[in-house]
């Protein structure tokens, strides 16, 4: 399966989920790195800034997708820890998240996810750890 096939499959899996409702689109996907975008519009808090929780949803989505690619189709993954630091606000345009592998093991996978605005400025830095399950769990 090519990286393009994986990317298309992940975007199909997002249909009808929170991922789709938030406008998240995966642009590239491998076990080492997943990149995706999300619009700031519609994902803001009352002051008009990108909601911090929306940044975390983007981060957890991209990191979980990377962990799933690492684990393979027969081993589900679940997030077990996520943390985020918000550096600046974003008011419009797209934010881009890049999940990069920190650790890809047999039972856990951890990713650093950087969310940046249209100007390439860091909006949020997150870290996600996923548990890789066996098919019977």
Protein backbone atom coordinates (compact mmCIF):
# COMPACT_ATOMS: atom_id res chain seq x y z
CA UNK A 1 0.00 0.00 0.00
CA UNK A 2 1.46 3.39 -0.98
CA UNK A 3 1.51 6.49 1.23
CA UNK A 4 -1.19 7.97 -1.06
CA UNK A 5 -3.37 4.89 -0.52
CA UNK A 6 -2.90 5.19 3.25
CA UNK A 7 -3.77 8.91 3.17
CA UNK A 8 -6.94 8.26 1.17
CA UNK A 9 -7.94 5.42 3.49
CA UNK A 10 -7.51 7.60 6.61
CA UNK A 11 -9.63 10.38 5.08
CA UNK A 12 -12.34 7.82 4.24
CA UNK A 13 -12.32 6.49 7.80
CA UNK A 14 -12.94 10.04 9.08
CA UNK A 15 -16.29 10.36 7.31
CA UNK A 16 -19.17 10.87 9.73
CA UNK A 17 -16.86 11.45 12.71
CA UNK A 18 -15.71 14.43 14.76
CA UNK A 19 -12.68 14.55 12.44
CA UNK A 20 -14.90 15.35 9.46
CA UNK A 21 -17.06 17.81 11.43
CA UNK A 22 -13.97 19.79 12.39
CA UNK A 23 -12.80 19.88 8.78
CA UNK A 24 -9.60 17.90 9.34
CA UNK A 25 -8.00 16.59 6.15
CA UNK A 26 -4.95 14.32 6.09
CA UNK A 27 -2.43 15.39 3.44
CA UNK A 28 0.30 12.79 3.95
CA UNK A 29 0.62 9.72 6.13
CA UNK A 30 3.28 7.26 7.18
CA UNK A 31 4.22 5.61 10.48
CA UNK A 32 6.89 8.26 11.04
CA UNK A 33 4.92 11.37 10.04
CA UNK A 34 1.34 12.46 9.41
CA UNK A 35 0.43 15.95 8.16
CA UNK A 36 -3.08 17.38 8.12
CA UNK A 37 -4.98 20.65 8.05
CA UNK A 38 -8.00 22.09 9.84
CA UNK A 39 -9.80 25.40 9.31
CA UNK A 40 -9.73 27.87 12.17
CA UNK A 41 -13.20 29.11 11.14
CA UNK A 42 -15.89 27.09 12.90
CA UNK A 43 -13.39 25.82 15.45
CA UNK A 44 -13.07 29.00 17.51
CA UNK A 45 -13.88 30.09 21.03
CA UNK A 46 -16.11 33.14 21.67
CA UNK A 47 -13.22 35.62 21.33
CA UNK A 48 -12.72 34.48 17.73
CA UNK A 49 -9.48 32.58 18.29
CA UNK A 50 -8.90 28.94 17.42
CA UNK A 51 -10.16 26.93 20.39
CA UNK A 52 -7.34 25.19 22.26
CA UNK A 53 -9.42 22.03 22.36
CA UNK A 54 -9.65 22.10 18.58
CA UNK A 55 -5.85 22.15 18.37
CA UNK A 56 -5.77 19.13 20.68
CA UNK A 57 -8.35 17.30 18.53
CA UNK A 58 -6.17 17.93 15.46
CA UNK A 59 -3.07 16.77 17.33
CA UNK A 60 -4.66 13.60 18.71
CA UNK A 61 -6.16 12.76 15.32
CA UNK A 62 -2.85 13.05 13.47
CA UNK A 63 -0.84 11.23 16.15
CA UNK A 64 -3.41 8.45 16.39
CA UNK A 65 -3.44 8.02 12.62
CA UNK A 66 0.36 7.74 12.61
CA UNK A 67 0.24 5.19 15.42
CA UNK A 68 -2.38 3.21 13.49
CA UNK A 69 -0.19 3.13 10.39
CA UNK A 70 2.71 1.96 12.59
CA UNK A 71 0.63 -0.76 14.26
CA UNK A 72 -0.85 -2.11 11.03
CA UNK A 73 -4.43 -2.90 10.07
CA UNK A 74 -4.91 -5.79 12.53
CA UNK A 75 -3.79 -3.95 15.69
CA UNK A 76 -6.06 -1.14 16.93
CA UNK A 77 -4.57 1.82 18.81
CA UNK A 78 -6.03 4.02 21.53
CA UNK A 79 -4.71 7.28 22.93
CA UNK A 80 -3.66 6.97 26.57
CA UNK A 81 -2.07 10.39 27.19
CA UNK A 82 -2.18 13.76 25.46
CA UNK A 83 -0.73 17.09 26.55
CA UNK A 84 -0.54 20.42 24.80
CA UNK A 85 1.01 23.83 25.16
CA UNK A 86 -0.71 26.71 23.35
CA UNK A 87 1.75 29.33 22.11
CA UNK A 88 -0.35 31.84 20.13
CA UNK A 89 -3.84 32.33 18.76
CA UNK A 90 -5.01 31.82 15.21
CA UNK A 91 -8.00 33.75 13.87
CA UNK A 92 -8.51 32.41 10.38
CA UNK A 93 -7.18 30.35 7.53
CA UNK A 94 -5.95 26.82 7.96
CA UNK A 95 -3.77 25.43 10.69
CA UNK A 96 -1.44 22.61 9.75
CA UNK A 97 -0.48 19.85 12.13
CA UNK A 98 2.58 17.65 11.73
CA UNK A 99 2.86 14.53 13.87
CA UNK A 100 6.41 13.18 14.10
CA UNK A 101 7.33 9.88 15.74
CA UNK A 102 9.20 10.04 19.03
CA UNK A 103 8.91 6.30 19.82
CA UNK A 104 7.42 3.46 17.79
CA UNK A 105 7.38 0.33 19.92
CA UNK A 106 5.54 -2.95 20.07
CA UNK A 107 3.03 -1.78 22.71
CA UNK A 108 3.21 2.02 22.64
CA UNK A 109 3.82 4.75 20.10
CA UNK A 110 4.48 8.41 20.97
CA UNK A 111 4.34 11.46 18.71
CA UNK A 112 5.13 15.15 18.92
CA UNK A 113 2.57 17.21 17.04
CA UNK A 114 3.28 20.79 15.99
CA UNK A 115 0.31 22.91 14.93
CA UNK A 116 1.20 26.00 12.88
CA UNK A 117 -0.80 28.85 11.34
CA UNK A 118 -0.79 29.92 7.67
CA UNK A 119 2.37 31.98 8.29
CA UNK A 120 4.19 28.94 9.68
CA UNK A 121 4.11 30.25 13.26
CA UNK A 122 3.74 27.61 15.96
CA UNK A 123 0.28 27.74 17.52
CA UNK A 124 0.48 24.61 19.66
CA UNK A 125 2.89 21.83 20.56
CA UNK A 126 1.33 18.56 21.70
CA UNK A 127 2.52 15.13 22.67
CA UNK A 128 0.47 11.95 22.31
CA UNK A 129 1.08 8.41 23.48
CA UNK A 130 -1.00 5.57 22.06
CA UNK A 131 -1.37 2.02 23.28
CA UNK A 132 -1.07 -0.59 20.53
CA UNK A 133 -3.61 -3.34 21.25
CA UNK A 134 -3.59 -6.95 20.18
CA UNK A 135 -6.52 -7.93 17.93
CA UNK A 136 -8.35 -9.67 20.81
CA UNK A 137 -8.25 -6.70 23.22
